[in-house]
């Protein structure tokens, strides 16, 4: 699907759910830059869990694409509010898949490395068996399954540990912490691939331009790191004198289990996590 010329009649029409979230705040300005006409929605104006309301609104618009970002993303709170997590990540996604099918338009769904159990020692491929170990991962996987079942015109994007401008994220939280503290204890036995929202947004724009076949993709930073190593790198780049003490996950119990290994095989589609982190921090 090639990008249209930038005029009112031919502009690509896109619905973006969850547009006020971390990824949406990076992506929407990029949609502006390619001349797309988009509806940036959030839960206050577009409740994806309300099938009746969703259908009534969608009957009044024409679309070329749906970018489904809306999600319940607090991993620990998902264990406490399981019904709400499944209502948003499963039922809400099912409703959006039905709309995409009804309108015969492609849908992009942002999923997570949390659909895997973390027991593997090499990066997860898109074809590897899923086995989530927490409610968040289970709810995101159920969203994936609804997308695949309902419409062939889909792009499922699994990503990992997003950070970026415009919202609460780990990198900015560490910068704030470093202003008032000189040491911190951080988990060292959880391996992941933290991803800059700008990098992911660029790949979503590539999908809109017709750059990929329908299917499931792993789009995250290249390489791997632990939370403690990632934190050290944040402080090193910004020249903050904060001592990072590596600890085990078991030393820091939380409501939700975390996979030990959440590295995705992305085919080196994005830069290394070190390169992207430095670019993000140098602009702050």
Protein backbone atom coordinates (compact mmCIF):
# COMPACT_ATOMS: atom_id res chain seq x y z
CA UNK A 1 0.00 0.00 0.00
CA UNK A 2 1.99 3.06 -1.22
CA UNK A 3 1.78 6.32 0.68
CA UNK A 4 -0.66 8.76 -0.94
CA UNK A 5 0.30 12.17 -2.21
CA UNK A 6 -0.18 14.88 0.36
CA UNK A 7 -3.57 16.22 -0.64
CA UNK A 8 -6.91 16.00 1.12
CA UNK A 9 -8.53 13.54 -1.28
CA UNK A 10 -5.68 11.03 -1.36
CA UNK A 11 -4.37 11.29 2.18
CA UNK A 12 -4.12 7.99 3.99
CA UNK A 13 -6.79 7.81 6.71
CA UNK A 14 -5.61 6.12 9.91
CA UNK A 15 -7.20 5.38 13.28
CA UNK A 16 -4.67 5.37 16.14
CA UNK A 17 -5.86 3.91 19.43
CA UNK A 18 -3.92 4.68 22.59
CA UNK A 19 -2.40 7.73 20.90
CA UNK A 20 -1.66 9.49 24.19
CA UNK A 21 0.67 6.69 25.32
CA UNK A 22 4.44 6.61 25.05
CA UNK A 23 4.59 5.13 21.54
CA UNK A 24 1.65 7.17 20.26
CA UNK A 25 3.27 10.46 21.22
CA UNK A 26 6.31 9.59 19.13
CA UNK A 27 4.39 8.07 16.22
CA UNK A 28 1.68 10.67 15.64
CA UNK A 29 4.07 13.50 14.69
CA UNK A 30 5.61 11.11 12.16
CA UNK A 31 2.18 10.50 10.68
CA UNK A 32 1.94 14.27 10.27
CA UNK A 33 5.27 14.29 8.46
CA UNK A 34 4.08 11.80 5.82
CA UNK A 35 0.85 13.72 5.26
CA UNK A 36 -1.47 11.13 6.76
CA UNK A 37 -4.88 12.05 8.10
CA UNK A 38 -5.27 10.35 11.44
CA UNK A 39 -7.62 10.19 14.42
CA UNK A 40 -5.57 10.14 17.63
CA UNK A 41 -7.87 8.50 20.17
CA UNK A 42 -7.61 7.52 23.83
CA UNK A 43 -9.84 5.64 26.26
CA UNK A 44 -11.77 8.78 27.20
CA UNK A 45 -13.08 9.35 23.68
CA UNK A 46 -12.86 5.86 22.19
CA UNK A 47 -13.45 2.91 24.52
CA UNK A 48 -12.14 -0.11 22.63
CA UNK A 49 -13.82 -2.45 25.12
CA UNK A 50 -17.28 -1.12 24.22
CA UNK A 51 -18.13 -2.97 21.01
CA UNK A 52 -21.42 -1.10 20.48
CA UNK A 53 -19.78 2.32 20.75
CA UNK A 54 -16.83 1.30 18.58
CA UNK A 55 -19.14 0.09 15.81
CA UNK A 56 -21.31 3.20 15.96
CA UNK A 57 -18.28 5.46 15.55
CA UNK A 58 -16.65 3.35 12.85
CA UNK A 59 -19.84 3.33 10.79
CA UNK A 60 -19.38 7.08 10.33
CA UNK A 61 -15.79 7.13 9.05
CA UNK A 62 -13.71 5.70 6.25
CA UNK A 63 -10.26 4.29 7.00
CA UNK A 64 -7.22 2.90 5.22
CA UNK A 65 -5.41 1.58 8.29
CA UNK A 66 -5.79 0.91 12.02
CA UNK A 67 -2.81 1.27 14.35
CA UNK A 68 -3.83 -0.36 17.62
CA UNK A 69 -1.59 0.91 20.44
CA UNK A 70 -4.13 0.98 23.28
CA UNK A 71 -3.24 -1.48 26.02
CA UNK A 72 -3.10 -2.22 29.73
CA UNK A 73 0.69 -2.06 30.14
CA UNK A 74 1.37 -2.06 33.89
CA UNK A 75 2.73 -5.57 34.37
CA UNK A 76 2.37 -5.67 38.15
CA UNK A 77 -1.06 -4.05 38.20
CA UNK A 78 -2.24 -6.65 35.68
CA UNK A 79 -1.78 -9.30 38.38
CA UNK A 80 -4.01 -7.29 40.70
CA UNK A 81 -6.57 -6.14 38.11
CA UNK A 82 -6.70 -9.25 35.95
CA UNK A 83 -10.22 -8.67 34.67
CA UNK A 84 -9.34 -5.17 33.50
CA UNK A 85 -6.12 -6.33 31.83
CA UNK A 86 -7.95 -9.03 29.84
CA UNK A 87 -10.82 -6.67 29.06
CA UNK A 88 -8.47 -4.15 27.43
CA UNK A 89 -5.74 -6.35 25.94
CA UNK A 90 -7.95 -9.24 24.86
CA UNK A 91 -11.53 -8.04 24.36
CA UNK A 92 -10.51 -4.56 23.23
CA UNK A 93 -8.14 -6.01 20.66
CA UNK A 94 -10.81 -8.46 19.51
CA UNK A 95 -13.17 -5.52 18.91
CA UNK A 96 -10.55 -3.67 16.87
CA UNK A 97 -9.79 -6.77 14.81
CA UNK A 98 -13.49 -7.08 13.99
CA UNK A 99 -13.57 -3.45 12.87
CA UNK A 100 -10.53 -4.00 10.67
CA UNK A 101 -12.24 -7.04 9.12
CA UNK A 102 -15.52 -5.17 8.67
CA UNK A 103 -13.82 -2.21 6.96
CA UNK A 104 -11.41 -4.51 5.09
CA UNK A 105 -8.36 -2.52 6.22
CA UNK A 106 -5.02 -3.68 7.67
CA UNK A 107 -4.42 -3.46 11.41
CA UNK A 108 -1.11 -3.04 13.25
CA UNK A 109 -1.12 -4.51 16.75
CA UNK A 110 1.67 -3.84 19.24
CA UNK A 111 2.41 -6.95 21.28
CA UNK A 112 5.21 -7.85 23.66
CA UNK A 113 8.19 -10.08 24.37
CA UNK A 114 6.19 -11.09 27.44
CA UNK A 115 4.33 -13.68 25.36
CA UNK A 116 7.42 -15.89 25.91
CA UNK A 117 8.43 -17.58 29.16
CA UNK A 118 12.08 -16.48 29.12
CA UNK A 119 13.51 -19.97 29.47
CA UNK A 120 15.33 -19.85 26.14
CA UNK A 121 19.02 -18.88 25.99
CA UNK A 122 19.01 -17.51 22.44
CA UNK A 123 16.86 -14.71 20.96
CA UNK A 124 13.23 -15.66 20.40
CA UNK A 125 12.12 -16.07 16.79
CA UNK A 126 8.60 -15.24 15.61
CA UNK A 127 8.04 -18.98 15.08
CA UNK A 128 8.99 -20.00 18.64
CA UNK A 129 6.29 -21.38 20.92
CA UNK A 130 4.69 -18.83 23.23
CA UNK A 131 4.20 -19.49 26.94
CA UNK A 132 3.57 -16.32 28.98
CA UNK A 133 4.23 -16.49 32.71
CA UNK A 134 2.27 -13.42 33.85
CA UNK A 135 -1.20 -11.97 33.28
CA UNK A 136 0.09 -9.15 31.10
CA UNK A 137 1.80 -11.59 28.74
CA UNK A 138 -1.25 -13.86 28.64
CA UNK A 139 -3.57 -10.97 27.83
CA UNK A 140 -1.30 -9.70 25.04
CA UNK A 141 -1.06 -13.20 23.58
CA UNK A 142 -4.85 -13.53 23.59
CA UNK A 143 -4.96 -10.25 21.67
CA UNK A 144 -2.55 -11.71 19.11
CA UNK A 145 -4.70 -14.81 18.73
CA UNK A 146 -7.84 -12.75 18.11
CA UNK A 147 -6.07 -10.69 15.45
CA UNK A 148 -4.86 -13.79 13.60
CA UNK A 149 -8.23 -15.51 13.86
CA UNK A 150 -10.34 -12.59 12.69
CA UNK A 151 -8.38 -10.89 9.90
CA UNK A 152 -5.61 -11.89 7.51
CA UNK A 153 -4.67 -8.24 6.96
CA UNK A 154 -2.61 -7.82 10.10
CA UNK A 155 0.81 -6.87 11.36
CA UNK A 156 1.59 -8.12 14.86
CA UNK A 157 4.66 -6.36 16.24
CA UNK A 158 6.34 -7.77 19.32
CA UNK A 159 8.64 -5.31 21.01
CA UNK A 160 10.37 -4.84 24.35
CA UNK A 161 10.78 -2.30 27.17
CA UNK A 162 9.92 0.94 25.39
CA UNK A 163 11.33 4.32 26.35
CA UNK A 164 11.00 7.71 24.68
CA UNK A 165 9.69 11.22 24.94
CA UNK A 166 6.25 12.22 26.09
CA UNK A 167 5.51 9.84 28.91
CA UNK A 168 6.67 7.90 31.94
CA UNK A 169 9.52 5.52 31.12
CA UNK A 170 12.48 3.84 32.80
CA UNK A 171 15.21 6.01 31.28
CA UNK A 172 13.66 9.30 32.35
CA UNK A 173 12.86 7.85 35.77
CA UNK A 174 16.54 6.98 36.26
CA UNK A 175 17.60 10.48 35.25
CA UNK A 176 15.24 11.95 37.82
CA UNK A 177 16.46 9.47 40.45
CA UNK A 178 20.08 10.43 39.80
CA UNK A 179 19.36 14.04 40.74
CA UNK A 180 18.71 13.07 44.35
CA UNK A 181 20.63 9.82 44.94
CA UNK A 182 24.16 8.47 44.61
CA UNK A 183 23.45 4.73 44.53
CA UNK A 184 20.77 2.33 43.35
CA UNK A 185 20.18 -1.44 43.33
CA UNK A 186 19.05 -2.85 39.98
CA UNK A 187 18.18 -6.36 38.82
CA UNK A 188 21.01 -8.02 36.89
CA UNK A 189 19.55 -11.42 36.00
CA UNK A 190 16.77 -10.24 33.68
CA UNK A 191 18.00 -9.92 30.08
CA UNK A 192 16.13 -7.81 27.54
CA UNK A 193 16.38 -5.46 24.55
CA UNK A 194 15.14 -1.96 25.54
CA UNK A 195 13.74 -0.09 22.55
CA UNK A 196 13.48 3.59 21.63
CA UNK A 197 9.97 4.57 20.53
CA UNK A 198 11.42 6.62 17.66
CA UNK A 199 13.07 3.57 16.13
CA UNK A 200 9.88 1.53 16.44
CA UNK A 201 7.77 4.38 15.02
CA UNK A 202 9.99 4.55 11.94
CA UNK A 203 9.34 0.87 11.29
CA UNK A 204 5.60 1.40 11.67
CA UNK A 205 5.83 4.15 9.04
CA UNK A 206 7.69 1.67 6.84
CA UNK A 207 4.78 -0.76 7.18
CA UNK A 208 2.36 1.98 6.12
CA UNK A 209 4.46 2.51 3.01
CA UNK A 210 4.00 -1.11 1.99
CA UNK A 211 7.40 -2.28 3.15
CA UNK A 212 6.31 -5.57 4.72
CA UNK A 213 4.08 -8.56 4.11
CA UNK A 214 1.28 -9.31 6.58
CA UNK A 215 2.40 -11.36 9.56
CA UNK A 216 4.20 -11.30 12.91
CA UNK A 217 7.40 -9.32 13.45
CA UNK A 218 9.94 -8.75 16.18
CA UNK A 219 10.89 -5.06 16.15
CA UNK A 220 13.18 -4.02 18.98
CA UNK A 221 16.68 -2.75 19.52
CA UNK A 222 19.50 -5.06 18.51
CA UNK A 223 21.68 -6.73 21.11
CA UNK A 224 20.88 -7.58 24.70
CA UNK A 225 21.48 -6.17 28.16
CA UNK A 226 20.42 -6.51 31.78
CA UNK A 227 18.54 -3.85 33.68
CA UNK A 228 21.65 -3.06 35.74
CA UNK A 229 23.89 -2.74 32.66
CA UNK A 230 21.27 -0.60 30.96
CA UNK A 231 21.06 1.64 34.01
CA UNK A 232 24.85 2.02 34.19
CA UNK A 233 24.88 3.06 30.54
CA UNK A 234 22.24 5.74 31.18
CA UNK A 235 24.34 7.27 33.94
CA UNK A 236 27.58 6.95 31.94
CA UNK A 237 26.17 8.77 28.92
CA UNK A 238 24.79 11.59 31.07
CA UNK A 239 27.89 11.62 33.32
CA UNK A 240 25.90 11.03 36.49
CA UNK A 241 27.84 9.77 39.50
CA UNK A 242 25.50 7.03 40.65
CA UNK A 243 26.74 3.63 41.84
CA UNK A 244 24.66 0.76 40.41
CA UNK A 245 24.54 -2.32 42.64
CA UNK A 246 23.53 -5.46 40.69
CA UNK A 247 20.98 -7.64 42.50
CA UNK A 248 18.94 -10.75 41.68
CA UNK A 249 15.26 -10.74 40.77
CA UNK A 250 14.65 -12.75 43.92
CA UNK A 251 16.06 -9.86 45.96
CA UNK A 252 13.36 -7.59 44.59
CA UNK A 253 10.05 -9.52 44.67
CA UNK A 254 7.21 -8.05 42.64
CA UNK A 255 3.58 -9.14 42.05
CA UNK A 256 4.23 -10.33 38.48
CA UNK A 257 6.81 -12.91 37.44
CA UNK A 258 9.32 -11.62 34.90
CA UNK A 259 10.90 -13.75 32.15
CA UNK A 260 14.62 -14.23 32.71
CA UNK A 261 15.36 -13.76 29.02
CA UNK A 262 13.25 -11.46 26.84
CA UNK A 263 15.54 -10.94 23.86
CA UNK A 264 13.85 -11.05 20.46
CA UNK A 265 15.45 -12.07 17.17
CA UNK A 266 14.84 -8.91 15.14
CA UNK A 267 17.12 -9.63 12.19
CA UNK A 268 19.11 -6.51 13.14
CA UNK A 269 16.30 -4.36 11.79
CA UNK A 270 16.98 -1.65 14.39
CA UNK A 271 20.24 -0.17 15.72
CA UNK A 272 21.88 -1.52 18.86
CA UNK A 273 20.35 -0.56 22.18
CA UNK A 274 23.55 1.35 23.07
CA UNK A 275 23.43 3.47 19.91
CA UNK A 276 19.76 4.33 20.28
CA UNK A 277 20.03 5.07 24.00
CA UNK A 278 22.88 7.49 23.34
CA UNK A 279 20.94 9.29 20.60
CA UNK A 280 17.92 9.60 22.88
CA UNK A 281 19.92 10.91 25.83
CA UNK A 282 22.04 13.35 23.85
CA UNK A 283 18.93 15.19 22.74
CA UNK A 284 17.73 15.68 26.32
